[in-house]
Amino acid sequence: MFRLKSIKEIQVIDFFEEIRDKITLIEWPEKIEKIFKEKIEINFINNLTRLESRIISVRAFGNYYKNKLSSLKLNKKK
């Protein structure tokens, strides 16, 4: 989404048709994040106390994805 300027540009390239029924990772999703009401959001955050590591946050939106996420067994390393 970095180079695309508007929703119209995104529609012209048939982005929404291309991602139907696929797992899609989107970097810089700010332009379209409000369109997707149901999704899993994964954020990688710099760990300020250990610069070589990252903190990963995973959130689900919508019942379908909340159920999917809650059924996963995630390894949490401290």
Protein backbone atom coordinates (compact mmCIF):
# COMPACT_ATOMS: atom_id res chain seq x y z
CA MET A 1 0.00 0.00 0.00
CA PHE A 2 3.05 2.26 0.33
CA ARG A 3 2.98 3.63 -3.23
CA LEU A 4 -0.76 3.70 -3.78
CA LYS A 5 -2.32 7.07 -3.13
CA SER A 6 -6.05 6.36 -2.91
CA ILE A 7 -8.76 3.71 -2.70
CA LYS A 8 -9.48 4.34 -6.39
CA GLU A 9 -5.91 3.34 -7.34
CA ILE A 10 -6.28 0.22 -5.21
CA GLN A 11 -9.52 -0.68 -7.00
CA VAL A 12 -7.99 -0.07 -10.45
CA ILE A 13 -5.39 -2.79 -9.83
CA ASP A 14 -8.15 -5.21 -8.65
CA PHE A 15 -6.46 -5.60 -5.29
CA PHE A 16 -9.59 -6.75 -3.47
CA GLU A 17 -10.35 -9.36 -6.11
CA GLU A 18 -6.77 -10.64 -6.02
CA ILE A 19 -6.77 -11.26 -2.26
CA ARG A 20 -10.15 -12.98 -2.06
CA ASP A 21 -9.84 -16.32 -0.21
CA LYS A 22 -6.09 -15.86 0.34
CA ILE A 23 -3.83 -15.04 3.23
CA THR A 24 -2.46 -11.59 2.52
CA LEU A 25 0.14 -9.64 4.44
CA ILE A 26 -0.14 -5.91 3.96
CA GLU A 27 2.59 -3.51 4.92
CA TRP A 28 1.41 0.09 5.55
CA PRO A 29 -2.30 -0.82 5.61
CA GLU A 30 -3.49 2.58 6.82
CA LYS A 31 -5.19 3.40 3.50
CA ILE A 32 -7.47 0.37 3.60
CA GLU A 33 -7.61 -0.88 7.20
CA LYS A 34 -11.13 0.48 7.78
CA ILE A 35 -12.43 -1.54 4.83
CA PHE A 36 -11.60 -4.87 6.47
CA LYS A 37 -13.89 -5.33 9.45
CA GLU A 38 -12.79 -8.94 10.00
CA LYS A 39 -9.07 -9.63 10.05
CA ILE A 40 -6.06 -10.75 12.02
CA GLU A 41 -3.63 -7.96 12.72
CA ILE A 42 0.03 -8.75 13.46
CA ASN A 43 2.33 -5.97 14.62
CA PHE A 44 6.09 -6.15 15.01
CA ILE A 45 7.31 -3.63 17.57
CA ASN A 46 10.91 -2.74 18.32
CA ASN A 47 11.91 -3.93 21.76
CA LEU A 48 13.60 -0.93 23.36
CA THR A 49 15.26 -3.00 26.08
CA ARG A 50 16.69 -5.63 23.70
CA LEU A 51 17.37 -3.99 20.35
CA GLU A 52 17.97 -7.27 18.51
CA SER A 53 14.51 -8.57 19.35
CA ARG A 54 10.93 -7.63 18.51
CA ILE A 55 7.66 -7.76 20.37
CA ILE A 56 4.88 -9.32 18.32
CA SER A 57 1.27 -8.49 19.01
CA VAL A 58 -1.56 -10.49 17.42
CA ARG A 59 -5.17 -9.29 17.49
CA ALA A 60 -8.29 -10.67 15.86
CA PHE A 61 -11.29 -8.68 14.65
CA GLY A 62 -14.63 -10.35 13.94
CA ASN A 63 -15.97 -13.57 15.42
CA TYR A 64 -14.57 -15.85 12.73
CA TYR A 65 -10.99 -14.70 13.27
CA LYS A 66 -11.36 -14.41 17.04
CA ASN A 67 -12.38 -18.10 17.12
CA LYS A 68 -9.50 -19.06 14.81
CA LEU A 69 -6.96 -17.17 16.90
CA SER A 70 -8.24 -18.52 20.21
CA SER A 71 -7.92 -22.09 18.89
CA LEU A 72 -4.19 -21.65 18.16
CA LYS A 73 -1.57 -22.64 20.65
CA LEU A 74 0.98 -19.84 20.57
CA ASN A 75 4.42 -20.28 22.04
CA LYS A 76 5.26 -17.29 24.17
CA LYS A 77 8.94 -16.78 24.79
CA LYS A 78 9.87 -14.46 27.65
